[in-house]
Amino acid sequence: MTPDFQVRPESSFDLVSGISINRPRILPAILADRREGTEYQYAFLRDGKRLDGLGFLGSDVVVEKDGQREWVFTFHFGREKLLRALLEFKAVFHAGGEDFEFLCKLAQGLVLAYAGRTDNEDALRYVAATTFEALSAASVFISGETYVLDGGIVILAEALVPKHAG
């Protein structure tokens, strides 16, 4: 069975496995293209005890959408090694099924860790993205409905946090 994450105020929670993913620790980082980015360090917990962790890089950009400012935070899952590490969590979740479906569900849990925010003055969008190339290298075959951007970017999950009055 694949995870099915629900939003909690400071985390996401999978009812099936009892695993929660708290908002990550974040640190400044330099991306491969020399731009400034963010390192995300997530912990997977059950009954308050740490089961495992996950770290990866991401970037952010501010966009204007319908006259409103929106921060877009992108989690970069475009490396074969990272995708394989994500798939190792199938054992932690006792998940079966297709690898691509599991990646999407786990990515949804990661972005939903932010969905309960109420302290933001601008809209926030969290996006977990990979590439066709990385999926192919990790022997992951796309199944189901998939959102694909130019350049072979595959969106695994996305969460929008509406702006709150500040």
Protein backbone atom coordinates (compact mmCIF):
# COMPACT_ATOMS: atom_id res chain seq x y z
CA MET A 1 0.00 0.00 0.00
CA THR A 2 1.32 3.46 -0.83
CA PRO A 3 1.42 6.31 1.68
CA ASP A 4 -1.47 8.76 1.82
CA PHE A 5 -0.31 11.93 3.56
CA GLN A 6 -2.63 14.37 5.29
CA VAL A 7 -1.82 17.95 6.30
CA ARG A 8 -1.04 18.70 9.94
CA PRO A 9 -0.15 22.15 11.33
CA GLU A 10 3.66 21.60 11.33
CA SER A 11 3.93 18.38 9.34
CA SER A 12 2.30 15.83 7.08
CA PHE A 13 1.07 12.49 8.42
CA ASP A 14 0.47 9.12 6.78
CA LEU A 15 -2.45 7.39 8.46
CA VAL A 16 -1.51 3.95 7.09
CA SER A 17 2.05 3.77 8.44
CA GLY A 18 1.73 6.27 11.31
CA ILE A 19 4.75 8.15 9.94
CA SER A 20 4.94 11.92 10.10
CA ILE A 21 7.22 14.24 8.18
CA ASN A 22 7.89 17.47 10.05
CA ARG A 23 8.86 20.69 8.31
CA PRO A 24 12.54 20.32 7.50
CA ARG A 25 15.58 22.01 8.84
CA ILE A 26 16.76 24.37 6.10
CA LEU A 27 20.25 25.68 5.42
CA PRO A 28 21.73 27.92 2.73
CA ALA A 29 23.45 26.02 -0.08
CA ILE A 30 25.15 26.56 -3.42
CA LEU A 31 23.58 24.66 -6.31
CA ALA A 32 25.52 22.90 -9.08
CA ASP A 33 25.00 25.90 -11.38
CA ARG A 34 26.58 28.16 -8.69
CA ARG A 35 23.26 29.84 -7.77
CA GLU A 36 22.25 30.23 -4.16
CA GLY A 37 19.80 27.59 -3.02
CA THR A 38 18.52 25.73 0.00
CA GLU A 39 19.42 22.42 1.60
CA TYR A 40 16.38 20.66 3.07
CA GLN A 41 16.91 18.14 5.89
CA TYR A 42 13.78 16.10 6.64
CA ALA A 43 13.16 13.62 9.44
CA PHE A 44 10.68 10.74 9.28
CA LEU A 45 9.08 10.05 12.67
CA ARG A 46 6.75 7.47 14.18
CA ASP A 47 5.41 8.03 17.69
CA GLY A 48 7.92 10.87 18.11
CA LYS A 49 10.90 8.62 17.34
CA ARG A 50 13.15 9.24 14.35
CA LEU A 51 13.04 6.43 11.79
CA ASP A 52 15.18 7.95 9.09
CA GLY A 53 16.13 11.19 7.37
CA LEU A 54 16.50 12.70 3.94
CA GLY A 55 18.45 15.65 2.59
CA PHE A 56 18.38 17.33 -0.80
CA LEU A 57 18.79 20.71 -2.50
CA GLY A 58 16.24 23.15 -3.82
CA SER A 59 15.78 26.61 -5.25
CA ASP A 60 13.25 29.38 -4.94
CA VAL A 61 11.96 32.23 -7.05
CA VAL A 62 9.36 34.98 -6.62
CA VAL A 63 6.79 35.25 -9.41
CA GLU A 64 3.90 37.60 -10.09
CA LYS A 65 0.64 35.75 -10.58
CA ASP A 66 -2.59 37.65 -11.23
CA GLY A 67 -1.02 40.77 -9.69
CA GLN A 68 -0.06 38.86 -6.54
CA ARG A 69 3.38 37.78 -5.39
CA GLU A 70 4.01 34.05 -5.04
CA TRP A 71 7.16 32.34 -3.76
CA VAL A 72 7.86 29.09 -5.59
CA PHE A 73 10.14 26.63 -3.77
CA THR A 74 11.35 23.77 -5.96
CA PHE A 75 12.76 20.55 -4.51
CA HIS A 76 15.36 19.20 -6.95
CA PHE A 77 14.95 15.43 -7.35
CA GLY A 78 16.77 15.33 -10.70
CA ARG A 79 19.56 12.94 -9.73
CA GLU A 80 19.47 9.17 -10.10
CA LYS A 81 21.16 8.64 -6.72
CA LEU A 82 18.54 10.73 -4.92
CA LEU A 83 15.66 8.94 -6.65
CA ARG A 84 17.13 5.58 -5.62
CA ALA A 85 17.45 6.86 -2.02
CA LEU A 86 13.79 7.96 -2.11
CA LEU A 87 12.77 4.51 -3.34
CA GLU A 88 14.56 2.89 -0.38
CA PHE A 89 11.84 4.44 1.80
CA LYS A 90 9.40 1.90 0.35
CA ALA A 91 10.71 -0.49 3.01
CA VAL A 92 10.16 2.06 5.80
CA PHE A 93 6.55 2.57 4.66
CA HIS A 94 6.02 -1.13 3.87
CA ALA A 95 4.84 0.09 0.48
CA GLY A 96 4.33 -2.00 -2.59
CA GLY A 97 3.21 -0.97 -6.04
CA GLU A 98 4.81 1.04 -8.79
CA ASP A 99 7.96 3.01 -8.05
CA PHE A 100 6.69 6.15 -9.79
CA GLU A 101 3.49 6.16 -7.76
CA PHE A 102 5.49 5.80 -4.54
CA LEU A 103 7.83 8.67 -5.54
CA CYS A 104 4.80 10.89 -6.16
CA LYS A 105 3.20 9.96 -2.83
CA LEU A 106 6.40 10.46 -0.86
CA ALA A 107 7.05 13.78 -2.62
CA GLN A 108 3.49 14.80 -1.72
CA GLY A 109 4.28 14.10 1.95
CA LEU A 110 7.36 16.30 1.71
CA VAL A 111 5.56 19.29 0.17
CA LEU A 112 2.52 18.87 2.45
CA ALA A 113 4.76 19.32 5.49
CA TYR A 114 4.47 23.03 4.61
CA ALA A 115 0.76 23.09 3.69
CA GLY A 116 -0.44 23.83 7.23
CA ARG A 117 1.40 27.17 7.38
CA THR A 118 -0.57 30.23 8.47
CA ASP A 119 2.31 32.68 9.03
CA ASN A 120 2.94 33.68 5.40
CA GLU A 121 2.09 37.08 3.91
CA ASP A 122 2.59 35.88 0.32
CA ALA A 123 1.28 32.79 -1.42
CA LEU A 124 3.79 29.92 -1.26
CA ARG A 125 4.07 27.03 -3.71
CA TYR A 126 6.17 23.94 -2.96
CA VAL A 127 7.05 21.79 -5.96
CA ALA A 128 8.94 18.47 -6.08
CA ALA A 129 10.44 18.01 -9.55
CA THR A 130 12.66 15.53 -11.35
CA THR A 131 13.58 14.81 -14.96
CA PHE A 132 12.80 12.10 -17.50
CA GLU A 133 16.55 11.46 -17.66
CA ALA A 134 16.91 10.87 -13.90
CA LEU A 135 13.80 8.66 -13.80
CA SER A 136 15.11 6.59 -16.69
CA ALA A 137 18.56 6.24 -15.08
CA ALA A 138 16.89 5.02 -11.87
CA SER A 139 14.75 2.55 -13.91
CA VAL A 140 11.53 4.30 -12.86
CA PHE A 141 8.77 4.24 -15.45
CA ILE A 142 6.16 6.97 -15.48
CA SER A 143 2.64 5.78 -14.91
CA GLY A 144 -0.66 7.56 -14.49
CA GLU A 145 -1.40 11.21 -15.10
CA THR A 146 1.78 13.27 -15.00
CA TYR A 147 2.51 16.99 -15.26
CA VAL A 148 5.50 17.56 -17.56
CA LEU A 149 7.17 20.92 -18.22
CA ASP A 150 9.43 21.98 -21.08
CA GLY A 151 12.86 20.40 -21.01
CA GLY A 152 11.62 17.07 -19.66
CA ILE A 153 10.92 18.31 -16.11
CA VAL A 154 8.45 16.01 -14.35
CA ILE A 155 6.39 17.36 -11.45
CA LEU A 156 6.05 14.69 -8.75
CA ALA A 157 4.03 16.76 -6.27
CA GLU A 158 2.92 20.29 -5.53
CA ALA A 159 1.27 22.15 -2.66
CA LEU A 160 -0.04 25.72 -2.60
CA VAL A 161 -0.20 27.63 0.68
CA PRO A 162 -2.47 30.65 0.23
CA LYS A 163 -1.34 33.99 1.59
CA HIS A 164 -2.47 34.96 5.08
CA ALA A 165 -2.97 38.50 6.29
CA GLY A 166 0.18 39.76 7.97
